[in-house]
Amino acid sequence: MRVAMYYRNNDVRIEKMSTPRIGKGELLVHVKASGICGSDVLEWYRIQKAPKVLGHEIAGDIVEVGGDVKGFRVGDRVFVSHHVPCNTCRYCLSGHRTACETLHTTNYDPGGFAEYVRVPALQVDRGTFPLPPGMTYEEGTLIEPFSCVLRGQKGLSLFPGASVLVLGSGISGLLHILMARRLGAGKIVATDVSEKRLEYAQRFGAHHILSAQEDIPALLRRVNAGRLADRVILCTGAADAAEQAIRSVERGGILLFFAAPTTDLQVPINDYWRNDITLKTSYGADPTDIQQAMDMLEARLFPCEDLITHKLPLEQAQKGFDLVVQAQDSIKVILLP
């Protein structure tokens, strides 16, 4: 089968490897669509394991079913999660499933940028979901990023009328904007370095858009009645954006590190302590988040198709990576193996 093998961001090669052979309790899925995530182009992180077949936002068809598999059959259209929790460790039992070591180490074989993937038994059990009849494979690739956004917003305690600042208006930022609008945010402000992405942010619900190259805290006060933001969501790893985020939280507010900054940060902890400011992180999603995200996407609560800007054959994987790295005209880039 053909795969897109990652060596580094500017070196993604189409290669051939053996189609995985499945065992007892496993599935073989023909990948129909696979989204390129912003984390796929974090070169400092990905290059440590290169060469590697990346890709973790997939939808496809089951083409082979292993022994003892129940509930699935050849021809089923499915979304498959790459990470799943054990559901028995102290982290899972205390509600922190995305901190589970099993979730951190599970994956499918070899990766989503391939014609076929082998789905291990644990993922078959709790990470494989039938695609709703009206959902396309391309829309199915949005399930993973949206479930992560949904989990992140659960920790924000977003209240009606709250002001929200979203730094970074790529796919994650736009999904956060859409969700915050749905939950009744009073004023949503979005930032980015790309004018095109700021246009998308405004189109999908941001009340104000600001260039990331400006003094964000000062401009935020100007458009928010002299106040900073009640909720700040960092959706880019850019160091400048992370520093802006730290300085943009209103008293009693919450700062969510949805994206991980590329450098260490200095947090004015005394100011945060005195002003009751909460700093939170959010990584990944668990099966509950995924099911809820699927239900919301199936209900057409969000303009899924409008978020997908590029659909490319697997042979153009390098072009897809270039589009995501450049972060200019693309929002969601999907490969079609």
Foldseek 3Di string as FASTA:
>chain_A
DWFFWDQALLDTDIDDDDQDDEEALKWKWFWFKFWDDLVNHPRVPVNVPPRAGETFQTKTFTQDGYHPQPDDDGGFIKTFGFFAFPCPDPCNVVPNRCVHPRRVPGGWPGYNRDRMIMGDNVRSVQGIDGAPPVDDRLLSSVLFLLLLLVVLVVVFPQAAQFEEEEEDQFQNSLSNQLVSVVRHHNAYEYEDQAPQSQVSSVVSHHPYYDYLVDQVQVVCCVVPVNFFGQEYEYDDQEPSSVVSQLVRHGQLHEYEDADHHPDDDDHPVVVCVVRVYYYYYTDTHHSVSSVVSSVCVVVVSDPSVVQADEEEESNCVSVQSVCSVVVYNHRIYMYGD
